[in-house]
């Protein structure tokens, strides 16, 4: 092995591709997020993959604050644009209220939906009621009466 002049061993360079983690890449990423782009799209603009960003977030926890600031800036900009559009159309103000104060202005926030299914296993009739129903049905269809079961059993 080669020793340096001060007697120390050289530190080996990292293997693989050089990192893109630098101020220019982070600036492009945060600018895209501040413009309202999704994380996936902002990664494309910055020239990195989504998995690379996930790795960076683990390796550099301070990055979370910067990303959150950029996304918050985009949200505020969008809400301001909606509010400004309300000067010409009241529906923009209504949307701004729904987005800014969801607990107070969501249409279905206080609705509770309930659904239930009931199933009867069988209809309960006495034998006498069943025979009466059969007689009524046969009479309605113009069919002759059934012979009396008791009379046929006795014969």
Protein backbone atom coordinates (compact mmCIF):
# COMPACT_ATOMS: atom_id res chain seq x y z
CA UNK A 1 0.00 0.00 0.00
CA UNK A 2 1.08 3.53 -0.66
CA UNK A 3 1.57 5.80 2.30
CA UNK A 4 1.04 9.55 2.16
CA UNK A 5 3.79 11.96 3.17
CA UNK A 6 2.34 12.32 6.69
CA UNK A 7 2.48 8.56 7.17
CA UNK A 8 -1.26 7.94 6.89
CA UNK A 9 -2.93 5.59 4.49
CA UNK A 10 -5.02 7.14 1.72
CA UNK A 11 -8.80 7.13 2.20
CA UNK A 12 -10.37 5.14 -0.63
CA UNK A 13 -12.84 7.03 -2.82
CA UNK A 14 -16.47 5.91 -2.73
CA UNK A 15 -17.28 3.33 -5.30
CA UNK A 16 -20.04 3.97 -7.82
CA UNK A 17 -21.51 7.06 -9.34
CA UNK A 18 -20.84 10.44 -7.71
CA UNK A 19 -23.72 11.78 -5.63
CA UNK A 20 -26.05 14.44 -6.96
CA UNK A 21 -26.72 15.65 -3.43
CA UNK A 22 -25.68 19.28 -3.78
CA UNK A 23 -27.20 22.74 -3.46
CA UNK A 24 -28.05 23.04 -7.16
CA UNK A 25 -30.02 19.77 -7.20
CA UNK A 26 -31.79 20.61 -3.96
CA UNK A 27 -32.65 24.09 -5.26
CA UNK A 28 -34.23 22.60 -8.41
CA UNK A 29 -36.13 20.04 -6.32
CA UNK A 30 -37.47 22.62 -3.86
CA UNK A 31 -38.36 25.11 -6.61
CA UNK A 32 -40.41 22.44 -8.38
CA UNK A 33 -42.19 21.57 -5.12
CA UNK A 34 -42.82 25.26 -4.45
CA UNK A 35 -44.45 25.48 -7.90
CA UNK A 36 -46.90 22.80 -6.80
CA UNK A 37 -45.44 19.77 -8.52
CA UNK A 38 -45.78 16.31 -7.02
CA UNK A 39 -42.72 14.74 -5.42
CA UNK A 40 -42.33 12.37 -8.37
CA UNK A 41 -42.46 15.22 -10.89
CA UNK A 42 -40.13 17.40 -8.80
CA UNK A 43 -37.61 14.56 -8.75
CA UNK A 44 -37.72 14.40 -12.55
CA UNK A 45 -37.07 18.16 -12.74
CA UNK A 46 -34.15 17.81 -10.30
CA UNK A 47 -32.72 14.88 -12.25
CA UNK A 48 -33.00 12.31 -9.47
CA UNK A 49 -35.16 9.26 -8.81
CA UNK A 50 -37.84 9.02 -6.15
CA UNK A 51 -35.85 6.28 -4.42
CA UNK A 52 -32.80 8.56 -4.38
CA UNK A 53 -34.85 11.23 -2.63
CA UNK A 54 -36.10 8.62 -0.14
CA UNK A 55 -32.47 7.66 0.59
CA UNK A 56 -31.51 11.32 1.00
CA UNK A 57 -34.38 11.87 3.43
CA UNK A 58 -33.04 9.04 5.59
CA UNK A 59 -29.41 10.18 5.36
CA UNK A 60 -30.16 13.90 5.78
CA UNK A 61 -33.10 14.45 8.17
CA UNK A 62 -32.58 18.24 7.93
CA UNK A 63 -33.85 17.96 4.35
CA UNK A 64 -37.41 17.34 5.63
CA UNK A 65 -37.80 20.94 6.82
CA UNK A 66 -36.70 22.33 3.47
CA UNK A 67 -39.09 20.06 1.55
CA UNK A 68 -41.97 20.89 3.90
CA UNK A 69 -41.32 24.63 3.49
CA UNK A 70 -41.40 24.28 -0.29
CA UNK A 71 -44.68 22.37 -0.25
CA UNK A 72 -46.21 24.85 2.20
CA UNK A 73 -45.18 27.72 -0.08
CA UNK A 74 -47.00 26.02 -2.98
CA UNK A 75 -50.11 25.53 -0.85
CA UNK A 76 -50.15 29.16 0.24
CA UNK A 77 -49.63 30.36 -3.33
CA UNK A 78 -52.53 28.23 -4.57
CA UNK A 79 -54.84 29.41 -1.79
CA UNK A 80 -53.94 33.03 -2.54
CA UNK A 81 -54.73 32.51 -6.22
CA UNK A 82 -58.11 30.97 -5.36
CA UNK A 83 -58.85 33.82 -2.98
CA UNK A 84 -57.90 36.41 -5.63
CA UNK A 85 -60.14 34.68 -8.17
CA UNK A 86 -62.98 35.19 -5.69
CA UNK A 87 -63.06 38.86 -6.61
CA UNK A 88 -64.65 37.83 -9.93
CA UNK A 89 -66.43 34.61 -8.95
CA UNK A 90 -67.88 33.87 -5.50
CA UNK A 91 -67.33 30.12 -6.00
CA UNK A 92 -63.59 30.66 -5.72
CA UNK A 93 -64.10 32.17 -2.25
CA UNK A 94 -66.30 29.21 -1.33
CA UNK A 95 -63.59 26.80 -2.44
CA UNK A 96 -60.96 28.77 -0.55
CA UNK A 97 -63.05 28.49 2.62
CA UNK A 98 -63.52 24.72 2.12
CA UNK A 99 -59.79 24.22 1.62
CA UNK A 100 -58.64 26.57 4.38
CA UNK A 101 -61.18 25.59 7.03
CA UNK A 102 -62.25 22.03 6.22
CA UNK A 103 -63.84 21.35 9.61
CA UNK A 104 -66.19 24.31 9.19
CA UNK A 105 -66.95 24.29 5.46
CA UNK A 106 -66.86 20.71 4.18
CA UNK A 107 -70.24 19.68 2.86
CA UNK A 108 -70.21 16.11 4.18
CA UNK A 109 -67.96 16.60 7.20
CA UNK A 110 -70.85 16.24 9.64
CA UNK A 111 -72.76 13.55 7.80
CA UNK A 112 -72.82 10.06 9.16
CA UNK A 113 -73.66 7.32 6.71
CA UNK A 114 -75.17 4.15 8.03
CA UNK A 115 -76.05 1.08 6.05
CA UNK A 116 -77.44 -2.18 7.27
CA UNK A 117 -78.53 -5.44 5.74
CA UNK A 118 -81.11 -7.68 7.32
CA UNK A 119 -81.88 -11.16 6.20
CA UNK A 120 -84.76 -13.38 7.26
CA UNK A 121 -83.92 -17.03 7.43
CA UNK A 122 -87.49 -18.18 6.66
CA UNK A 123 -91.11 -17.16 6.82
CA UNK A 124 -92.94 -18.74 9.72
CA UNK A 125 -96.51 -19.93 9.08
CA UNK A 126 -98.59 -22.44 10.82
CA UNK A 127 -99.77 -25.40 8.75
CA UNK A 128 -103.31 -24.09 8.90
CA UNK A 129 -102.25 -20.65 7.55
CA UNK A 130 -100.21 -22.30 4.78
CA UNK A 131 -103.22 -24.35 3.63
CA UNK A 132 -105.47 -21.27 3.65
CA UNK A 133 -102.96 -19.43 1.46
CA UNK A 134 -102.81 -22.34 -0.97
CA UNK A 135 -106.62 -22.41 -1.18
CA UNK A 136 -106.77 -18.67 -1.86
CA UNK A 137 -104.13 -18.97 -4.56
CA UNK A 138 -105.90 -21.88 -6.26
CA UNK A 139 -109.22 -19.99 -6.12
CA UNK A 140 -107.60 -16.91 -7.65
CA UNK A 141 -106.20 -19.05 -10.47
CA UNK A 142 -109.54 -20.82 -10.98
CA UNK A 143 -108.24 -24.25 -9.95
CA UNK A 144 -110.35 -26.79 -8.07
CA UNK A 145 -110.00 -27.09 -4.30
CA UNK A 146 -107.55 -29.59 -2.90
CA UNK A 147 -109.12 -32.66 -1.32
CA UNK A 148 -109.27 -32.51 2.44
CA UNK A 149 -106.17 -34.25 3.78
CA UNK A 150 -108.00 -35.58 6.81
CA UNK A 151 -110.68 -37.15 4.59
CA UNK A 152 -108.08 -38.84 2.35
CA UNK A 153 -106.13 -40.16 5.31
CA UNK A 154 -109.21 -41.80 6.84
CA UNK A 155 -110.12 -43.64 3.63
